[in-house]
């Protein structure tokens, strides 16, 4: 470490709920289930497809309302922690747009953040780190 330099503590941010997106997803889920029952399919197939759709939709709504995601901004970029597991420094395949940031986690996990879930400065900081290719670790 150079003379006069000091280590900054990482800036940690809890990702908040996306209530408006969850409400939109709930509305779309209801429309899809109603359309499925109006389609005239076999009643057993309709029930199976409706059950699968409702289960997946409720899982998505739960993950939007209770994200359990913590971001940590370090000098090398960004790291994340999900459901109080260990910190992961690899953000794979990031997708950055003004309305959404998404990336692949370890295994099959995928994560997404909407601007309403972070402060404007934190959303901008995360987008900048991912656009510059800094994921916080080796990819």
N, C-alpha and C. Protein backbone atom coordinates (compact mmCIF):
# COMPACT_ATOMS: atom_id res chain seq x y z
N UNK A 1 0.85 -1.17 0.00
CA UNK A 1 0.00 0.00 0.00
C UNK A 1 0.90 1.24 0.00
N UNK A 2 0.58 2.20 -0.80
CA UNK A 2 1.38 3.42 -0.90
C UNK A 2 1.19 4.29 0.34
N UNK A 3 2.22 5.12 0.57
CA UNK A 3 2.16 6.04 1.70
C UNK A 3 0.99 7.00 1.52
N UNK A 4 0.20 7.17 2.53
CA UNK A 4 -0.93 8.09 2.47
C UNK A 4 -2.21 7.46 1.94
N UNK A 5 -2.10 6.27 1.36
CA UNK A 5 -3.30 5.61 0.82
C UNK A 5 -4.01 4.89 1.97
N UNK A 6 -5.28 4.83 1.90
CA UNK A 6 -6.03 4.10 2.91
C UNK A 6 -7.03 3.20 2.21
N UNK A 7 -7.34 2.11 2.87
CA UNK A 7 -8.31 1.16 2.30
C UNK A 7 -9.71 1.66 2.62
N UNK A 8 -10.50 1.73 1.58
CA UNK A 8 -11.90 2.09 1.79
C UNK A 8 -12.69 0.86 2.18
N UNK A 9 -13.63 1.04 3.07
CA UNK A 9 -14.52 -0.07 3.40
C UNK A 9 -15.50 -0.24 2.24
N UNK A 10 -15.81 -1.47 1.89
CA UNK A 10 -16.76 -1.66 0.79
C UNK A 10 -18.13 -1.08 1.13
N UNK A 11 -18.79 -0.56 0.12
CA UNK A 11 -20.12 0.02 0.26
C UNK A 11 -21.14 -1.09 0.01
N UNK A 12 -21.91 -1.46 1.04
CA UNK A 12 -22.90 -2.53 0.90
C UNK A 12 -24.29 -1.94 0.79
N UNK A 13 -25.09 -2.55 -0.07
CA UNK A 13 -26.44 -2.07 -0.34
C UNK A 13 -27.40 -3.25 -0.32
N UNK A 14 -28.45 -3.16 0.48
CA UNK A 14 -29.52 -4.16 0.45
C UNK A 14 -30.48 -3.82 -0.67
N UNK A 15 -30.78 -4.80 -1.50
CA UNK A 15 -31.71 -4.59 -2.60
C UNK A 15 -33.13 -4.64 -2.04
N UNK A 16 -33.91 -3.62 -2.32
CA UNK A 16 -35.26 -3.53 -1.80
C UNK A 16 -36.29 -4.22 -2.68
N UNK A 17 -37.53 -4.25 -2.24
CA UNK A 17 -38.58 -4.90 -3.01
C UNK A 17 -38.98 -4.08 -4.24
N UNK A 18 -39.47 -4.78 -5.26
CA UNK A 18 -39.97 -4.14 -6.48
C UNK A 18 -41.48 -4.32 -6.49
N UNK A 19 -42.18 -3.50 -5.72
CA UNK A 19 -43.62 -3.65 -5.56
C UNK A 19 -44.40 -3.42 -6.84
N UNK A 20 -44.06 -2.41 -7.60
CA UNK A 20 -44.81 -2.11 -8.82
C UNK A 20 -44.64 -3.22 -9.86
N UNK A 21 -43.44 -3.78 -9.97
CA UNK A 21 -43.21 -4.87 -10.92
C UNK A 21 -43.94 -6.13 -10.45
N UNK A 22 -43.96 -6.38 -9.13
CA UNK A 22 -44.68 -7.54 -8.60
C UNK A 22 -46.18 -7.41 -8.85
N UNK A 23 -46.71 -6.20 -8.71
CA UNK A 23 -48.12 -5.97 -8.99
C UNK A 23 -48.44 -6.19 -10.47
N UNK A 24 -47.55 -5.73 -11.34
CA UNK A 24 -47.72 -5.97 -12.77
C UNK A 24 -47.69 -7.46 -13.08
N UNK A 25 -46.75 -8.19 -12.48
CA UNK A 25 -46.67 -9.64 -12.71
C UNK A 25 -47.92 -10.35 -12.20
N UNK A 26 -48.47 -9.93 -11.06
CA UNK A 26 -49.69 -10.53 -10.54
C UNK A 26 -50.86 -10.30 -11.49
N UNK A 27 -50.97 -9.11 -12.04
CA UNK A 27 -52.03 -8.82 -13.00
C UNK A 27 -51.90 -9.66 -14.27
N UNK A 28 -50.68 -9.77 -14.79
CA UNK A 28 -50.46 -10.60 -15.98
C UNK A 28 -50.75 -12.07 -15.69
N UNK A 29 -50.40 -12.52 -14.50
CA UNK A 29 -50.67 -13.90 -14.11
C UNK A 29 -52.18 -14.17 -14.09
N UNK A 30 -52.95 -13.24 -13.54
CA UNK A 30 -54.41 -13.43 -13.50
C UNK A 30 -54.99 -13.47 -14.90
N UNK A 31 -54.53 -12.58 -15.77
CA UNK A 31 -55.03 -12.55 -17.15
C UNK A 31 -54.70 -13.86 -17.86
N UNK A 32 -53.49 -14.37 -17.66
CA UNK A 32 -53.09 -15.62 -18.31
C UNK A 32 -53.91 -16.81 -17.82
N UNK A 33 -54.16 -16.87 -16.52
CA UNK A 33 -54.96 -17.99 -15.98
C UNK A 33 -56.40 -17.91 -16.49
N UNK A 34 -56.96 -16.72 -16.54
CA UNK A 34 -58.33 -16.56 -17.08
C UNK A 34 -58.37 -16.96 -18.55
N UNK A 35 -57.38 -16.54 -19.32
CA UNK A 35 -57.34 -16.91 -20.74
C UNK A 35 -57.18 -18.41 -20.91
N UNK A 36 -56.42 -19.04 -20.03
CA UNK A 36 -56.23 -20.49 -20.12
C UNK A 36 -57.55 -21.22 -19.87
N UNK A 37 -58.34 -20.77 -18.89
CA UNK A 37 -59.62 -21.42 -18.63
C UNK A 37 -60.64 -21.14 -19.73
N UNK A 38 -60.49 -20.04 -20.45
CA UNK A 38 -61.40 -19.71 -21.55
C UNK A 38 -60.99 -20.37 -22.86
N UNK A 39 -59.84 -21.05 -22.89
CA UNK A 39 -59.31 -21.57 -24.15
C UNK A 39 -60.01 -22.82 -24.64
N UNK A 40 -60.71 -23.54 -23.80
CA UNK A 40 -61.41 -24.73 -24.23
C UNK A 40 -60.54 -25.97 -24.26
N UNK A 41 -59.41 -25.97 -23.60
CA UNK A 41 -58.56 -27.15 -23.52
C UNK A 41 -59.21 -28.20 -22.63
N UNK A 42 -58.66 -29.39 -22.66
CA UNK A 42 -59.07 -30.47 -21.79
C UNK A 42 -59.01 -29.95 -20.34
N UNK A 43 -60.02 -30.20 -19.53
CA UNK A 43 -60.02 -29.67 -18.15
C UNK A 43 -58.81 -30.10 -17.33
N UNK A 44 -58.34 -31.33 -17.52
CA UNK A 44 -57.17 -31.79 -16.79
C UNK A 44 -55.93 -31.02 -17.22
N UNK A 45 -55.74 -30.83 -18.52
CA UNK A 45 -54.60 -30.08 -19.03
C UNK A 45 -54.68 -28.62 -18.57
N UNK A 46 -55.88 -28.06 -18.59
CA UNK A 46 -56.06 -26.68 -18.13
C UNK A 46 -55.65 -26.55 -16.67
N UNK A 47 -56.08 -27.50 -15.83
CA UNK A 47 -55.74 -27.45 -14.41
C UNK A 47 -54.23 -27.59 -14.20
N UNK A 48 -53.59 -28.48 -14.94
CA UNK A 48 -52.14 -28.69 -14.80
C UNK A 48 -51.39 -27.43 -15.22
N UNK A 49 -51.73 -26.90 -16.39
CA UNK A 49 -51.04 -25.69 -16.88
C UNK A 49 -51.30 -24.49 -15.96
N UNK A 50 -52.53 -24.37 -15.48
CA UNK A 50 -52.84 -23.26 -14.57
C UNK A 50 -52.06 -23.40 -13.26
N UNK A 51 -51.98 -24.61 -12.74
CA UNK A 51 -51.21 -24.84 -11.51
C UNK A 51 -49.74 -24.52 -11.69
N UNK A 52 -49.16 -24.94 -12.81
CA UNK A 52 -47.76 -24.63 -13.07
C UNK A 52 -47.55 -23.13 -13.22
N UNK A 53 -48.44 -22.47 -13.94
CA UNK A 53 -48.32 -21.03 -14.13
C UNK A 53 -48.45 -20.26 -12.83
N UNK A 54 -49.40 -20.65 -11.99
CA UNK A 54 -49.59 -19.98 -10.71
C UNK A 54 -48.37 -20.21 -9.80
N UNK A 55 -47.85 -21.44 -9.77
CA UNK A 55 -46.69 -21.73 -8.92
C UNK A 55 -45.48 -20.91 -9.36
N UNK A 56 -45.20 -20.87 -10.65
CA UNK A 56 -44.06 -20.09 -11.14
C UNK A 56 -44.29 -18.58 -10.96
N UNK A 57 -45.51 -18.14 -11.18
CA UNK A 57 -45.82 -16.72 -10.99
C UNK A 57 -45.67 -16.28 -9.54
N UNK A 58 -46.16 -17.11 -8.61
CA UNK A 58 -46.03 -16.78 -7.19
C UNK A 58 -44.57 -16.79 -6.75
N UNK A 59 -43.78 -17.70 -7.31
CA UNK A 59 -42.34 -17.72 -7.00
C UNK A 59 -41.68 -16.42 -7.48
N UNK A 60 -42.04 -15.98 -8.67
CA UNK A 60 -41.49 -14.74 -9.20
C UNK A 60 -41.91 -13.53 -8.38
N UNK A 61 -43.17 -13.49 -7.98
CA UNK A 61 -43.67 -12.39 -7.15
C UNK A 61 -42.95 -12.37 -5.80
N UNK A 62 -42.75 -13.55 -5.22
CA UNK A 62 -42.04 -13.63 -3.93
C UNK A 62 -40.61 -13.11 -4.07
N UNK A 63 -39.92 -13.49 -5.13
CA UNK A 63 -38.53 -13.03 -5.32
C UNK A 63 -38.46 -11.53 -5.60
N UNK A 64 -39.51 -10.97 -6.15
CA UNK A 64 -39.54 -9.52 -6.34
C UNK A 64 -39.81 -8.77 -5.04
N UNK A 65 -40.65 -9.34 -4.19
CA UNK A 65 -41.01 -8.68 -2.94
C UNK A 65 -40.00 -8.93 -1.81
N UNK A 66 -39.34 -10.09 -1.83
CA UNK A 66 -38.35 -10.44 -0.80
C UNK A 66 -37.07 -10.87 -1.52
N UNK A 67 -36.31 -9.92 -2.07
CA UNK A 67 -35.17 -10.31 -2.90
C UNK A 67 -34.03 -11.00 -2.14
N UNK A 68 -33.74 -10.60 -0.91
CA UNK A 68 -32.66 -11.24 -0.16
C UNK A 68 -31.30 -11.09 -0.80
N UNK A 69 -31.09 -10.00 -1.51
CA UNK A 69 -29.84 -9.78 -2.24
C UNK A 69 -29.13 -8.57 -1.67
N UNK A 70 -27.82 -8.72 -1.43
CA UNK A 70 -26.99 -7.63 -0.95
C UNK A 70 -25.87 -7.42 -1.96
N UNK A 71 -25.67 -6.17 -2.35
CA UNK A 71 -24.58 -5.83 -3.27
C UNK A 71 -23.47 -5.16 -2.47
N UNK A 72 -22.25 -5.42 -2.87
CA UNK A 72 -21.10 -4.77 -2.25
C UNK A 72 -20.22 -4.21 -3.36
N UNK A 73 -20.01 -2.90 -3.30
CA UNK A 73 -19.17 -2.24 -4.29
C UNK A 73 -17.75 -2.16 -3.74
N UNK A 74 -16.82 -2.75 -4.47
CA UNK A 74 -15.41 -2.73 -4.10
C UNK A 74 -14.64 -2.05 -5.21
N UNK A 75 -13.34 -1.86 -5.00
CA UNK A 75 -12.53 -1.17 -6.01
C UNK A 75 -12.55 -1.88 -7.36
N UNK A 76 -12.65 -3.20 -7.36
CA UNK A 76 -12.63 -3.95 -8.61
C UNK A 76 -14.00 -4.03 -9.29
N UNK A 77 -15.06 -3.58 -8.66
CA UNK A 77 -16.38 -3.66 -9.28
C UNK A 77 -17.46 -3.96 -8.26
N UNK A 78 -18.21 -5.02 -8.50
CA UNK A 78 -19.33 -5.35 -7.63
C UNK A 78 -19.30 -6.83 -7.26
N UNK A 79 -19.77 -7.13 -6.06
CA UNK A 79 -19.95 -8.50 -5.60
C UNK A 79 -21.38 -8.61 -5.09
N UNK A 80 -21.87 -9.84 -4.92
CA UNK A 80 -23.23 -10.00 -4.41
C UNK A 80 -23.29 -11.14 -3.42
N UNK A 81 -24.30 -11.07 -2.57
CA UNK A 81 -24.58 -12.12 -1.59
C UNK A 81 -26.08 -12.37 -1.64
N UNK A 82 -26.47 -13.64 -1.75
CA UNK A 82 -27.88 -13.97 -1.85
C UNK A 82 -28.27 -14.89 -0.70
N UNK A 83 -29.33 -14.52 -0.02
CA UNK A 83 -29.89 -15.30 1.10
C UNK A 83 -28.83 -15.64 2.15
N UNK A 84 -27.99 -14.66 2.49
CA UNK A 84 -26.98 -14.76 3.54
C UNK A 84 -25.99 -15.89 3.32
N UNK A 85 -25.74 -16.23 2.07
CA UNK A 85 -24.68 -17.19 1.75
C UNK A 85 -23.38 -16.43 1.63
N UNK A 86 -22.32 -17.11 1.24
CA UNK A 86 -21.02 -16.44 1.14
C UNK A 86 -21.02 -15.45 -0.03
N UNK A 87 -20.11 -14.47 0.04
CA UNK A 87 -20.02 -13.46 -1.02
C UNK A 87 -19.50 -14.10 -2.29
N UNK A 88 -20.11 -13.75 -3.40
CA UNK A 88 -19.68 -14.24 -4.70
C UNK A 88 -19.11 -13.06 -5.49
N UNK A 89 -17.96 -13.28 -6.06
CA UNK A 89 -17.32 -12.18 -6.77
C UNK A 89 -17.45 -12.33 -8.28
N UNK A 90 -18.15 -13.33 -8.73
CA UNK A 90 -18.28 -13.53 -10.17
C UNK A 90 -19.69 -13.17 -10.63
N UNK A 91 -19.77 -12.15 -11.44
CA UNK A 91 -21.04 -11.79 -12.08
C UNK A 91 -20.88 -12.16 -13.54
N UNK A 92 -21.57 -13.20 -13.96
CA UNK A 92 -21.41 -13.70 -15.33
C UNK A 92 -22.52 -13.17 -16.22
N UNK A 93 -22.19 -12.92 -17.45
CA UNK A 93 -23.13 -12.53 -18.50
C UNK A 93 -24.05 -11.39 -18.07
N UNK A 94 -23.51 -10.25 -17.71
CA UNK A 94 -24.40 -9.16 -17.29
C UNK A 94 -25.16 -8.56 -18.46
N UNK A 95 -26.38 -8.15 -18.18
CA UNK A 95 -27.21 -7.41 -19.13
C UNK A 95 -27.55 -6.09 -18.46
N UNK A 96 -27.17 -5.00 -19.08
CA UNK A 96 -27.36 -3.67 -18.47
C UNK A 96 -28.20 -2.81 -19.41
N UNK A 97 -29.30 -2.29 -18.89
CA UNK A 97 -30.11 -1.33 -19.62
C UNK A 97 -30.55 -0.26 -18.62
N UNK A 98 -31.13 0.84 -19.10
CA UNK A 98 -31.58 1.87 -18.15
C UNK A 98 -32.72 1.42 -17.24
N UNK A 99 -33.43 0.34 -17.60
CA UNK A 99 -34.61 -0.10 -16.85
C UNK A 99 -34.41 -1.39 -16.10
N UNK A 100 -33.27 -2.08 -16.32
CA UNK A 100 -33.08 -3.40 -15.72
C UNK A 100 -31.61 -3.79 -15.80
N UNK A 101 -31.12 -4.44 -14.75
CA UNK A 101 -29.78 -5.04 -14.76
C UNK A 101 -29.96 -6.50 -14.36
N UNK A 102 -29.44 -7.39 -15.17
CA UNK A 102 -29.53 -8.81 -14.88
C UNK A 102 -28.20 -9.49 -15.07
N UNK A 103 -27.99 -10.60 -14.36
CA UNK A 103 -26.77 -11.38 -14.53
C UNK A 103 -26.99 -12.81 -14.07
N UNK A 104 -26.08 -13.67 -14.50
CA UNK A 104 -26.10 -15.07 -14.08
C UNK A 104 -25.25 -15.21 -12.83
N UNK A 105 -25.72 -15.98 -11.90
CA UNK A 105 -24.96 -16.25 -10.69
C UNK A 105 -24.28 -17.61 -10.79
N UNK A 106 -23.94 -18.15 -9.64
CA UNK A 106 -23.35 -19.47 -9.62
C UNK A 106 -24.42 -20.50 -9.89
N UNK A 107 -24.10 -21.49 -10.66
CA UNK A 107 -25.07 -22.53 -11.01
C UNK A 107 -26.12 -21.98 -11.94
N UNK A 108 -27.37 -22.27 -11.66
CA UNK A 108 -28.48 -21.85 -12.52
C UNK A 108 -29.16 -20.59 -12.04
N UNK A 109 -28.66 -19.98 -10.98
CA UNK A 109 -29.31 -18.79 -10.43
C UNK A 109 -29.16 -17.60 -11.36
N UNK A 110 -30.22 -16.87 -11.52
CA UNK A 110 -30.19 -15.63 -12.27
C UNK A 110 -30.73 -14.52 -11.40
N UNK A 111 -30.18 -13.33 -11.55
CA UNK A 111 -30.58 -12.21 -10.72
C UNK A 111 -30.95 -11.02 -11.59
N UNK A 112 -31.88 -10.23 -11.12
CA UNK A 112 -32.26 -9.02 -11.82
C UNK A 112 -32.60 -7.93 -10.83
N UNK A 113 -32.28 -6.71 -11.21
CA UNK A 113 -32.56 -5.56 -10.35
C UNK A 113 -33.21 -4.47 -11.20
N UNK A 114 -34.30 -3.94 -10.70
CA UNK A 114 -34.97 -2.81 -11.34
C UNK A 114 -34.54 -1.53 -10.64
N UNK A 115 -34.61 -0.39 -11.32
CA UNK A 115 -34.17 0.87 -10.71
C UNK A 115 -34.88 1.22 -9.40
N UNK A 116 -36.12 0.79 -9.23
CA UNK A 116 -36.84 1.12 -8.00
C UNK A 116 -36.33 0.35 -6.79
N UNK A 117 -35.47 -0.65 -6.99
CA UNK A 117 -34.97 -1.45 -5.89
C UNK A 117 -33.70 -0.87 -5.26
N UNK A 118 -33.07 0.09 -5.91
CA UNK A 118 -31.86 0.72 -5.41
C UNK A 118 -32.01 2.23 -5.49
N UNK A 119 -31.14 2.93 -4.79
CA UNK A 119 -31.12 4.38 -4.97
C UNK A 119 -30.57 4.68 -6.36
N UNK A 120 -30.83 5.87 -6.87
CA UNK A 120 -30.36 6.22 -8.21
C UNK A 120 -28.85 6.11 -8.31
N UNK A 121 -28.14 6.56 -7.28
CA UNK A 121 -26.67 6.51 -7.31
C UNK A 121 -26.16 5.07 -7.31
N UNK A 122 -26.76 4.20 -6.49
CA UNK A 122 -26.31 2.81 -6.44
C UNK A 122 -26.62 2.06 -7.74
N UNK A 123 -27.80 2.33 -8.34
CA UNK A 123 -28.13 1.70 -9.61
C UNK A 123 -27.15 2.15 -10.69
N UNK A 124 -26.83 3.43 -10.71
CA UNK A 124 -25.87 3.97 -11.68
C UNK A 124 -24.48 3.38 -11.46
N UNK A 125 -24.08 3.26 -10.19
CA UNK A 125 -22.76 2.70 -9.88
C UNK A 125 -22.66 1.24 -10.33
N UNK A 126 -23.71 0.45 -10.10
CA UNK A 126 -23.71 -0.95 -10.52
C UNK A 126 -23.68 -1.05 -12.04
N UNK A 127 -24.49 -0.25 -12.72
CA UNK A 127 -24.52 -0.28 -14.18
C UNK A 127 -23.15 0.10 -14.75
N UNK A 128 -22.52 1.09 -14.17
CA UNK A 128 -21.21 1.52 -14.65
C UNK A 128 -20.18 0.42 -14.46
N UNK A 129 -20.18 -0.22 -13.30
CA UNK A 129 -19.21 -1.28 -13.04
C UNK A 129 -19.39 -2.45 -14.01
N UNK A 130 -20.63 -2.81 -14.30
CA UNK A 130 -20.87 -3.94 -15.20
C UNK A 130 -20.61 -3.57 -16.66
N UNK A 131 -20.89 -2.34 -17.05
CA UNK A 131 -20.60 -1.91 -18.42
C UNK A 131 -19.10 -1.88 -18.70
N UNK A 132 -18.33 -1.54 -17.69
CA UNK A 132 -16.88 -1.49 -17.86
C UNK A 132 -16.23 -2.85 -17.74
N UNK A 133 -17.06 -3.87 -17.53
CA UNK A 133 -16.54 -5.23 -17.48
C UNK A 133 -15.92 -5.61 -16.17
N UNK A 134 -16.15 -4.83 -15.13
CA UNK A 134 -15.60 -5.13 -13.83
C UNK A 134 -16.66 -5.87 -13.02
N UNK A 135 -16.47 -7.16 -12.84
CA UNK A 135 -17.46 -7.94 -12.10
C UNK A 135 -17.02 -8.21 -10.67
N UNK A 136 -15.87 -7.77 -10.29
CA UNK A 136 -15.42 -7.98 -8.93
C UNK A 136 -14.53 -9.19 -8.80
N UNK A 137 -14.30 -9.92 -9.84
CA UNK A 137 -13.46 -11.10 -9.75
C UNK A 137 -13.17 -11.66 -11.12
N UNK A 138 -12.59 -12.82 -11.14
CA UNK A 138 -12.27 -13.47 -12.41
C UNK A 138 -13.54 -14.08 -12.98
N UNK A 139 -13.71 -13.98 -14.27
CA UNK A 139 -14.89 -14.59 -14.89
C UNK A 139 -14.53 -15.90 -15.52
